[in-house]
mmCIF file of all heavy atoms, coordinates in Angstrom:
data_MODEL
# 
_entry.id   MODEL 
# 
loop_
_atom_site.group_PDB 
_atom_site.id 
_atom_site.type_symbol 
_atom_site.label_atom_id 
_atom_site.label_alt_id 
_atom_site.label_comp_id 
_atom_site.label_asym_id 
_atom_site.label_entity_id 
_atom_site.label_seq_id 
_atom_site.pdbx_PDB_ins_code 
_atom_site.Cartn_x 
_atom_site.Cartn_y 
_atom_site.Cartn_z 
_atom_site.occupancy 
_atom_site.B_iso_or_equiv 
_atom_site.pdbx_formal_charge 
_atom_site.auth_seq_id 
_atom_site.auth_comp_id 
_atom_site.auth_asym_id 
_atom_site.auth_atom_id 
_atom_site.pdbx_PDB_model_num 
ATOM 1   N N   . ARG A 1 1  ? 142.603 128.376 282.901 1.00 0.00 ? 1  ARG A N   1 
ATOM 2   C CA  . ARG A 1 1  ? 143.644 127.386 283.173 1.00 0.00 ? 1  ARG A CA  1 
ATOM 3   C C   . ARG A 1 1  ? 143.043 125.984 283.258 1.00 0.00 ? 1  ARG A C   1 
ATOM 4   O O   . ARG A 1 1  ? 143.623 125.011 282.748 1.00 0.00 ? 1  ARG A O   1 
ATOM 5   C CB  . ARG A 1 1  ? 144.383 127.731 284.462 1.00 0.00 ? 1  ARG A CB  1 
ATOM 6   C CG  . ARG A 1 1  ? 145.320 128.907 284.318 1.00 0.00 ? 1  ARG A CG  1 
ATOM 7   C CD  . ARG A 1 1  ? 145.848 129.422 285.633 1.00 0.00 ? 1  ARG A CD  1 
ATOM 8   N NE  . ARG A 1 1  ? 146.631 128.427 286.373 1.00 0.00 ? 1  ARG A NE  1 
ATOM 9   C CZ  . ARG A 1 1  ? 147.252 128.695 287.516 1.00 0.00 ? 1  ARG A CZ  1 
ATOM 10  N NH1 . ARG A 1 1  ? 147.190 129.921 288.040 1.00 0.00 ? 1  ARG A NH1 1 
ATOM 11  N NH2 . ARG A 1 1  ? 147.943 127.753 288.130 1.00 0.00 ? 1  ARG A NH2 1 
ATOM 12  N N   . LEU A 1 2  ? 141.882 125.866 283.887 1.00 0.00 ? 2  LEU A N   1 
ATOM 13  C CA  . LEU A 1 2  ? 141.249 124.558 283.988 1.00 0.00 ? 2  LEU A CA  1 
ATOM 14  C C   . LEU A 1 2  ? 140.801 124.059 282.618 1.00 0.00 ? 2  LEU A C   1 
ATOM 15  O O   . LEU A 1 2  ? 141.017 122.896 282.263 1.00 0.00 ? 2  LEU A O   1 
ATOM 16  C CB  . LEU A 1 2  ? 140.062 124.624 284.948 1.00 0.00 ? 2  LEU A CB  1 
ATOM 17  C CG  . LEU A 1 2  ? 139.405 123.259 285.182 1.00 0.00 ? 2  LEU A CG  1 
ATOM 18  C CD1 . LEU A 1 2  ? 139.597 122.827 286.632 1.00 0.00 ? 2  LEU A CD1 1 
ATOM 19  C CD2 . LEU A 1 2  ? 137.922 123.296 284.863 1.00 0.00 ? 2  LEU A CD2 1 
ATOM 20  N N   . ARG A 1 3  ? 140.209 124.931 281.827 1.00 0.00 ? 3  ARG A N   1 
ATOM 21  C CA  . ARG A 1 3  ? 139.747 124.507 280.501 1.00 0.00 ? 3  ARG A CA  1 
ATOM 22  C C   . ARG A 1 3  ? 140.932 124.110 279.613 1.00 0.00 ? 3  ARG A C   1 
ATOM 23  O O   . ARG A 1 3  ? 140.808 123.222 278.773 1.00 0.00 ? 3  ARG A O   1 
ATOM 24  C CB  . ARG A 1 3  ? 138.935 125.629 279.850 1.00 0.00 ? 3  ARG A CB  1 
ATOM 25  C CG  . ARG A 1 3  ? 137.625 125.939 280.549 1.00 0.00 ? 3  ARG A CG  1 
ATOM 26  C CD  . ARG A 1 3  ? 136.699 126.733 279.657 1.00 0.00 ? 3  ARG A CD  1 
ATOM 27  N NE  . ARG A 1 3  ? 135.603 127.333 280.392 1.00 0.00 ? 3  ARG A NE  1 
ATOM 28  C CZ  . ARG A 1 3  ? 134.486 126.719 280.745 1.00 0.00 ? 3  ARG A CZ  1 
ATOM 29  N NH1 . ARG A 1 3  ? 134.329 125.443 280.433 1.00 0.00 ? 3  ARG A NH1 1 
ATOM 30  N NH2 . ARG A 1 3  ? 133.540 127.351 281.405 1.00 0.00 ? 3  ARG A NH2 1 
ATOM 31  N N   . ALA A 1 4  ? 142.068 124.770 279.806 1.00 0.00 ? 4  ALA A N   1 
ATOM 32  C CA  . ALA A 1 4  ? 143.230 124.487 278.963 1.00 0.00 ? 4  ALA A CA  1 
ATOM 33  C C   . ALA A 1 4  ? 143.760 123.076 279.167 1.00 0.00 ? 4  ALA A C   1 
ATOM 34  O O   . ALA A 1 4  ? 144.333 122.489 278.241 1.00 0.00 ? 4  ALA A O   1 
ATOM 35  C CB  . ALA A 1 4  ? 144.328 125.511 279.232 1.00 0.00 ? 4  ALA A CB  1 
ATOM 36  N N   . VAL A 1 5  ? 143.581 122.514 280.367 1.00 0.00 ? 5  VAL A N   1 
ATOM 37  C CA  . VAL A 1 5  ? 144.092 121.170 280.629 1.00 0.00 ? 5  VAL A CA  1 
ATOM 38  C C   . VAL A 1 5  ? 143.004 120.102 280.515 1.00 0.00 ? 5  VAL A C   1 
ATOM 39  O O   . VAL A 1 5  ? 143.308 118.918 280.609 1.00 0.00 ? 5  VAL A O   1 
ATOM 40  C CB  . VAL A 1 5  ? 144.754 121.082 282.024 1.00 0.00 ? 5  VAL A CB  1 
ATOM 41  C CG1 . VAL A 1 5  ? 145.887 122.085 282.143 1.00 0.00 ? 5  VAL A CG1 1 
ATOM 42  C CG2 . VAL A 1 5  ? 143.744 121.295 283.143 1.00 0.00 ? 5  VAL A CG2 1 
ATOM 43  N N   . ALA A 1 6  ? 141.751 120.509 280.299 1.00 0.00 ? 6  ALA A N   1 
ATOM 44  C CA  . ALA A 1 6  ? 140.665 119.538 280.169 1.00 0.00 ? 6  ALA A CA  1 
ATOM 45  C C   . ALA A 1 6  ? 140.785 118.797 278.841 1.00 0.00 ? 6  ALA A C   1 
ATOM 46  O O   . ALA A 1 6  ? 140.823 119.425 277.782 1.00 0.00 ? 6  ALA A O   1 
ATOM 47  C CB  . ALA A 1 6  ? 139.316 120.245 280.261 1.00 0.00 ? 6  ALA A CB  1 
ATOM 48  N N   . PRO A 1 7  ? 140.853 117.470 278.858 1.00 0.00 ? 7  PRO A N   1 
ATOM 49  C CA  . PRO A 1 7  ? 140.999 116.723 277.600 1.00 0.00 ? 7  PRO A CA  1 
ATOM 50  C C   . PRO A 1 7  ? 139.798 116.866 276.673 1.00 0.00 ? 7  PRO A C   1 
ATOM 51  O O   . PRO A 1 7  ? 139.956 116.816 275.453 1.00 0.00 ? 7  PRO A O   1 
ATOM 52  C CB  . PRO A 1 7  ? 141.164 115.274 278.070 1.00 0.00 ? 7  PRO A CB  1 
ATOM 53  C CG  . PRO A 1 7  ? 141.613 115.365 279.490 1.00 0.00 ? 7  PRO A CG  1 
ATOM 54  C CD  . PRO A 1 7  ? 140.945 116.589 280.029 1.00 0.00 ? 7  PRO A CD  1 
ATOM 55  N N   . LEU A 1 8  ? 138.599 117.014 277.238 1.00 0.00 ? 8  LEU A N   1 
ATOM 56  C CA  . LEU A 1 8  ? 137.386 117.118 276.437 1.00 0.00 ? 8  LEU A CA  1 
ATOM 57  C C   . LEU A 1 8  ? 136.890 118.552 276.496 1.00 0.00 ? 8  LEU A C   1 
ATOM 58  O O   . LEU A 1 8  ? 136.303 118.983 277.503 1.00 0.00 ? 8  LEU A O   1 
ATOM 59  C CB  . LEU A 1 8  ? 136.298 116.168 276.946 1.00 0.00 ? 8  LEU A CB  1 
ATOM 60  C CG  . LEU A 1 8  ? 136.698 114.701 277.157 1.00 0.00 ? 8  LEU A CG  1 
ATOM 61  C CD1 . LEU A 1 8  ? 135.489 113.895 277.624 1.00 0.00 ? 8  LEU A CD1 1 
ATOM 62  C CD2 . LEU A 1 8  ? 137.295 114.106 275.900 1.00 0.00 ? 8  LEU A CD2 1 
ATOM 63  N N   . SER A 1 9  ? 137.107 119.309 275.450 1.00 0.00 ? 9  SER A N   1 
ATOM 64  C CA  . SER A 1 9  ? 136.622 120.687 275.432 1.00 0.00 ? 9  SER A CA  1 
ATOM 65  C C   . SER A 1 9  ? 135.101 120.689 275.337 1.00 0.00 ? 9  SER A C   1 
ATOM 66  O O   . SER A 1 9  ? 134.486 119.713 274.878 1.00 0.00 ? 9  SER A O   1 
ATOM 67  C CB  . SER A 1 9  ? 137.216 121.446 274.243 1.00 0.00 ? 9  SER A CB  1 
ATOM 68  O OG  . SER A 1 9  ? 136.723 120.924 273.021 1.00 0.00 ? 9  SER A OG  1 
ATOM 69  N N   . VAL A 1 10 ? 134.498 121.790 275.739 1.00 0.00 ? 10 VAL A N   1 
ATOM 70  C CA  . VAL A 1 10 ? 133.044 121.901 275.652 1.00 0.00 ? 10 VAL A CA  1 
ATOM 71  C C   . VAL A 1 10 ? 132.595 121.780 274.197 1.00 0.00 ? 10 VAL A C   1 
ATOM 72  O O   . VAL A 1 10 ? 131.527 121.216 273.914 1.00 0.00 ? 10 VAL A O   1 
ATOM 73  C CB  . VAL A 1 10 ? 132.567 123.237 276.264 1.00 0.00 ? 10 VAL A CB  1 
ATOM 74  C CG1 . VAL A 1 10 ? 131.073 123.428 276.055 1.00 0.00 ? 10 VAL A CG1 1 
ATOM 75  C CG2 . VAL A 1 10 ? 132.895 123.285 277.751 1.00 0.00 ? 10 VAL A CG2 1 
ATOM 76  N N   . SER A 1 11 ? 133.398 122.271 273.266 1.00 0.00 ? 11 SER A N   1 
ATOM 77  C CA  . SER A 1 11 ? 133.014 122.199 271.853 1.00 0.00 ? 11 SER A CA  1 
ATOM 78  C C   . SER A 1 11 ? 133.039 120.771 271.317 1.00 0.00 ? 11 SER A C   1 
ATOM 79  O O   . SER A 1 11 ? 132.385 120.468 270.315 1.00 0.00 ? 11 SER A O   1 
ATOM 80  C CB  . SER A 1 11 ? 133.935 123.082 271.019 1.00 0.00 ? 11 SER A CB  1 
ATOM 81  O OG  . SER A 1 11 ? 135.278 122.635 271.098 1.00 0.00 ? 11 SER A OG  1 
ATOM 82  N N   . TRP A 1 12 ? 133.792 119.868 271.984 1.00 0.00 ? 12 TRP A N   1 
ATOM 83  C CA  . TRP A 1 12 ? 133.875 118.494 271.495 1.00 0.00 ? 12 TRP A CA  1 
ATOM 84  C C   . TRP A 1 12 ? 132.531 117.785 271.620 1.00 0.00 ? 12 TRP A C   1 
ATOM 85  O O   . TRP A 1 12 ? 132.096 117.078 270.708 1.00 0.00 ? 12 TRP A O   1 
ATOM 86  C CB  . TRP A 1 12 ? 134.963 117.735 272.262 1.00 0.00 ? 12 TRP A CB  1 
ATOM 87  C CG  . TRP A 1 12 ? 135.137 116.321 271.812 1.00 0.00 ? 12 TRP A CG  1 
ATOM 88  C CD1 . TRP A 1 12 ? 135.769 115.895 270.676 1.00 0.00 ? 12 TRP A CD1 1 
ATOM 89  C CD2 . TRP A 1 12 ? 134.668 115.142 272.464 1.00 0.00 ? 12 TRP A CD2 1 
ATOM 90  N NE1 . TRP A 1 12 ? 135.720 114.517 270.585 1.00 0.00 ? 12 TRP A NE1 1 
ATOM 91  C CE2 . TRP A 1 12 ? 135.051 114.034 271.673 1.00 0.00 ? 12 TRP A CE2 1 
ATOM 92  C CE3 . TRP A 1 12 ? 133.976 114.914 273.654 1.00 0.00 ? 12 TRP A CE3 1 
ATOM 93  C CZ2 . TRP A 1 12 ? 134.748 112.724 272.035 1.00 0.00 ? 12 TRP A CZ2 1 
ATOM 94  C CZ3 . TRP A 1 12 ? 133.665 113.606 274.009 1.00 0.00 ? 12 TRP A CZ3 1 
ATOM 95  C CH2 . TRP A 1 12 ? 134.055 112.537 273.201 1.00 0.00 ? 12 TRP A CH2 1 
ATOM 96  N N   . SER A 1 13 ? 131.862 117.967 272.744 1.00 0.00 ? 13 SER A N   1 
ATOM 97  C CA  . SER A 1 13 ? 130.525 117.391 272.922 1.00 0.00 ? 13 SER A CA  1 
ATOM 98  C C   . SER A 1 13 ? 129.854 118.012 274.135 1.00 0.00 ? 13 SER A C   1 
ATOM 99  O O   . SER A 1 13 ? 130.517 118.356 275.114 1.00 0.00 ? 13 SER A O   1 
ATOM 100 C CB  . SER A 1 13 ? 130.584 115.867 273.100 1.00 0.00 ? 13 SER A CB  1 
ATOM 101 O OG  . SER A 1 13 ? 129.278 115.348 273.318 1.00 0.00 ? 13 SER A OG  1 
ATOM 102 N N   . GLN A 1 14 ? 128.548 118.131 274.061 1.00 0.00 ? 14 GLN A N   1 
ATOM 103 C CA  . GLN A 1 14 ? 127.745 118.577 275.194 1.00 0.00 ? 14 GLN A CA  1 
ATOM 104 C C   . GLN A 1 14 ? 126.637 117.570 275.513 1.00 0.00 ? 14 GLN A C   1 
ATOM 105 O O   . GLN A 1 14 ? 125.704 117.884 276.251 1.00 0.00 ? 14 GLN A O   1 
ATOM 106 C CB  . GLN A 1 14 ? 127.099 119.942 274.900 1.00 0.00 ? 14 GLN A CB  1 
ATOM 107 C CG  . GLN A 1 14 ? 128.051 121.019 274.424 1.00 0.00 ? 14 GLN A CG  1 
ATOM 108 C CD  . GLN A 1 14 ? 128.190 121.024 272.908 1.00 0.00 ? 14 GLN A CD  1 
ATOM 109 O OE1 . GLN A 1 14 ? 127.202 120.948 272.194 1.00 0.00 ? 14 GLN A OE1 1 
ATOM 110 N NE2 . GLN A 1 14 ? 129.413 121.102 272.413 1.00 0.00 ? 14 GLN A NE2 1 
ATOM 111 N N   . ASP A 1 15 ? 126.749 116.364 274.974 1.00 0.00 ? 15 ASP A N   1 
ATOM 112 C CA  . ASP A 1 15 ? 125.641 115.417 275.030 1.00 0.00 ? 15 ASP A CA  1 
ATOM 113 C C   . ASP A 1 15 ? 125.928 114.206 275.912 1.00 0.00 ? 15 ASP A C   1 
ATOM 114 O O   . ASP A 1 15 ? 127.078 113.793 276.083 1.00 0.00 ? 15 ASP A O   1 
ATOM 115 C CB  . ASP A 1 15 ? 125.312 114.903 273.628 1.00 0.00 ? 15 ASP A CB  1 
ATOM 116 C CG  . ASP A 1 15 ? 124.811 115.996 272.706 1.00 0.00 ? 15 ASP A CG  1 
ATOM 117 O OD1 . ASP A 1 15 ? 124.552 117.106 273.192 1.00 0.00 ? 15 ASP A OD1 1 
ATOM 118 O OD2 . ASP A 1 15 ? 124.686 115.739 271.496 1.00 0.00 ? 15 ASP A OD2 1 
ATOM 119 N N   . VAL A 1 16 ? 124.845 113.634 276.441 1.00 0.00 ? 16 VAL A N   1 
ATOM 120 C CA  . VAL A 1 16 ? 124.844 112.298 277.030 1.00 0.00 ? 16 VAL A CA  1 
ATOM 121 C C   . VAL A 1 16 ? 123.980 111.423 276.135 1.00 0.00 ? 16 VAL A C   1 
ATOM 122 O O   . VAL A 1 16 ? 122.845 111.793 275.804 1.00 0.00 ? 16 VAL A O   1 
ATOM 123 C CB  . VAL A 1 16 ? 124.290 112.309 278.463 1.00 0.00 ? 16 VAL A CB  1 
ATOM 124 C CG1 . VAL A 1 16 ? 124.024 110.897 278.960 1.00 0.00 ? 16 VAL A CG1 1 
ATOM 125 C CG2 . VAL A 1 16 ? 125.241 113.041 279.407 1.00 0.00 ? 16 VAL A CG2 1 
ATOM 126 N N   . ILE A 1 17 ? 124.507 110.260 275.734 1.00 0.00 ? 17 ILE A N   1 
ATOM 127 C CA  . ILE A 1 17 ? 123.790 109.373 274.821 1.00 0.00 ? 17 ILE A CA  1 
ATOM 128 C C   . ILE A 1 17 ? 123.484 108.055 275.521 1.00 0.00 ? 17 ILE A C   1 
ATOM 129 O O   . ILE A 1 17 ? 124.368 107.446 276.136 1.00 0.00 ? 17 ILE A O   1 
ATOM 130 C CB  . ILE A 1 17 ? 124.619 109.113 273.547 1.00 0.00 ? 17 ILE A CB  1 
ATOM 131 C CG1 . ILE A 1 17 ? 124.735 110.396 272.721 1.00 0.00 ? 17 ILE A CG1 1 
ATOM 132 C CG2 . ILE A 1 17 ? 123.998 107.992 272.710 1.00 0.00 ? 17 ILE A CG2 1 
ATOM 133 C CD1 . ILE A 1 17 ? 125.581 110.246 271.474 1.00 0.00 ? 17 ILE A CD1 1 
ATOM 134 N N   . PHE A 1 18 ? 122.230 107.627 275.448 1.00 0.00 ? 18 PHE A N   1 
ATOM 135 C CA  . PHE A 1 18 ? 121.819 106.298 275.893 1.00 0.00 ? 18 PHE A CA  1 
ATOM 136 C C   . PHE A 1 18 ? 121.800 105.376 274.675 1.00 0.00 ? 18 PHE A C   1 
ATOM 137 O O   . PHE A 1 18 ? 121.305 105.763 273.607 1.00 0.00 ? 18 PHE A O   1 
ATOM 138 C CB  . PHE A 1 18 ? 120.436 106.345 276.545 1.00 0.00 ? 18 PHE A CB  1 
ATOM 139 C CG  . PHE A 1 18 ? 120.450 106.854 277.953 1.00 0.00 ? 18 PHE A CG  1 
ATOM 140 C CD1 . PHE A 1 18 ? 120.637 108.205 278.218 1.00 0.00 ? 18 PHE A CD1 1 
ATOM 141 C CD2 . PHE A 1 18 ? 120.289 105.985 279.025 1.00 0.00 ? 18 PHE A CD2 1 
ATOM 142 C CE1 . PHE A 1 18 ? 120.653 108.679 279.519 1.00 0.00 ? 18 PHE A CE1 1 
ATOM 143 C CE2 . PHE A 1 18 ? 120.314 106.445 280.326 1.00 0.00 ? 18 PHE A CE2 1 
ATOM 144 C CZ  . PHE A 1 18 ? 120.497 107.798 280.576 1.00 0.00 ? 18 PHE A CZ  1 
ATOM 145 N N   . CYS A 1 19 ? 122.343 104.163 274.843 1.00 0.00 ? 19 CYS A N   1 
ATOM 146 C CA  . CYS A 1 19 ? 122.511 103.280 273.701 1.00 0.00 ? 19 CYS A CA  1 
ATOM 147 C C   . CYS A 1 19 ? 122.406 101.817 274.142 1.00 0.00 ? 19 CYS A C   1 
ATOM 148 O O   . CYS A 1 19 ? 122.440 101.503 275.334 1.00 0.00 ? 19 CYS A O   1 
ATOM 149 C CB  . CYS A 1 19 ? 123.857 103.534 273.030 1.00 0.00 ? 19 CYS A CB  1 
ATOM 150 S SG  . CYS A 1 19 ? 125.273 103.469 274.169 1.00 0.00 ? 19 CYS A SG  1 
ATOM 151 N N   . THR A 1 20 ? 122.305 100.943 273.168 1.00 0.00 ? 20 THR A N   1 
ATOM 152 C CA  . THR A 1 20 ? 122.241 99.508  273.463 1.00 0.00 ? 20 THR A CA  1 
ATOM 153 C C   . THR A 1 20 ? 123.621 98.948  273.788 1.00 0.00 ? 20 THR A C   1 
ATOM 154 O O   . THR A 1 20 ? 123.743 97.921  274.441 1.00 0.00 ? 20 THR A O   1 
ATOM 155 C CB  . THR A 1 20 ? 121.665 98.747  272.272 1.00 0.00 ? 20 THR A CB  1 
ATOM 156 O OG1 . THR A 1 20 ? 122.494 98.980  271.116 1.00 0.00 ? 20 THR A OG1 1 
ATOM 157 C CG2 . THR A 1 20 ? 120.243 99.217  271.969 1.00 0.00 ? 20 THR A CG2 1 
ATOM 158 N N   . ALA A 1 21 ? 124.667 99.586  273.308 1.00 0.00 ? 21 ALA A N   1 
ATOM 159 C CA  . ALA A 1 21 ? 126.065 99.269  273.593 1.00 0.00 ? 21 ALA A CA  1 
ATOM 160 C C   . ALA A 1 21 ? 126.880 100.403 272.997 1.00 0.00 ? 21 ALA A C   1 
ATOM 161 O O   . ALA A 1 21 ? 126.378 101.189 272.182 1.00 0.00 ? 21 ALA A O   1 
ATOM 162 C CB  . ALA A 1 21 ? 126.484 97.930  272.988 1.00 0.00 ? 21 ALA A CB  1 
ATOM 163 N N   . LEU A 1 22 ? 128.131 100.503 273.423 1.00 0.00 ? 22 LEU A N   1 
ATOM 164 C CA  . LEU A 1 22 ? 128.964 101.567 272.865 1.00 0.00 ? 22 LEU A CA  1 
ATOM 165 C C   . LEU A 1 22 ? 129.079 101.420 271.356 1.00 0.00 ? 22 LEU A C   1 
ATOM 166 O O   . LEU A 1 22 ? 129.118 102.410 270.624 1.00 0.00 ? 22 LEU A O   1 
ATOM 167 C CB  . LEU A 1 22 ? 130.348 101.541 273.507 1.00 0.00 ? 22 LEU A CB  1 
ATOM 168 C CG  . LEU A 1 22 ? 131.302 102.659 273.077 1.00 0.00 ? 22 LEU A CG  1 
ATOM 169 C CD1 . LEU A 1 22 ? 130.763 104.025 273.492 1.00 0.00 ? 22 LEU A CD1 1 
ATOM 170 C CD2 . LEU A 1 22 ? 132.690 102.436 273.667 1.00 0.00 ? 22 LEU A CD2 1 
ATOM 171 N N   . LEU A 1 23 ? 129.131 100.188 270.889 1.00 0.00 ? 23 LEU A N   1 
ATOM 172 C CA  . LEU A 1 23 ? 129.177 99.933  269.458 1.00 0.00 ? 23 LEU A CA  1 
ATOM 173 C C   . LEU A 1 23 ? 127.802 99.556  268.926 1.00 0.00 ? 23 LEU A C   1 
ATOM 174 O O   . LEU A 1 23 ? 127.682 98.903  267.875 1.00 0.00 ? 23 LEU A O   1 
ATOM 175 C CB  . LEU A 1 23 ? 130.192 98.823  269.146 1.00 0.00 ? 23 LEU A CB  1 
ATOM 176 C CG  . LEU A 1 23 ? 131.616 99.071  269.651 1.00 0.00 ? 23 LEU A CG  1 
ATOM 177 C CD1 . LEU A 1 23 ? 132.540 97.952  269.196 1.00 0.00 ? 23 LEU A CD1 1 
ATOM 178 C CD2 . LEU A 1 23 ? 132.145 100.419 269.197 1.00 0.00 ? 23 LEU A CD2 1 
ATOM 179 N N   . GLY A 1 24 ? 126.754 99.986  269.640 1.00 0.00 ? 24 GLY A N   1 
ATOM 180 C CA  . GLY A 1 24 ? 125.402 99.619  269.269 1.00 0.00 ? 24 GLY A CA  1 
ATOM 181 C C   . GLY A 1 24 ? 124.585 100.774 268.732 1.00 0.00 ? 24 GLY A C   1 
ATOM 182 O O   . GLY A 1 24 ? 125.094 101.652 268.028 1.00 0.00 ? 24 GLY A O   1 
# 
């Protein structure tokens, strides 16, 4: 039930990204 209402499914992404900017 919790996974069904989660906007970001596990398959969508499992990563944390460090970057210079969101558009960087």
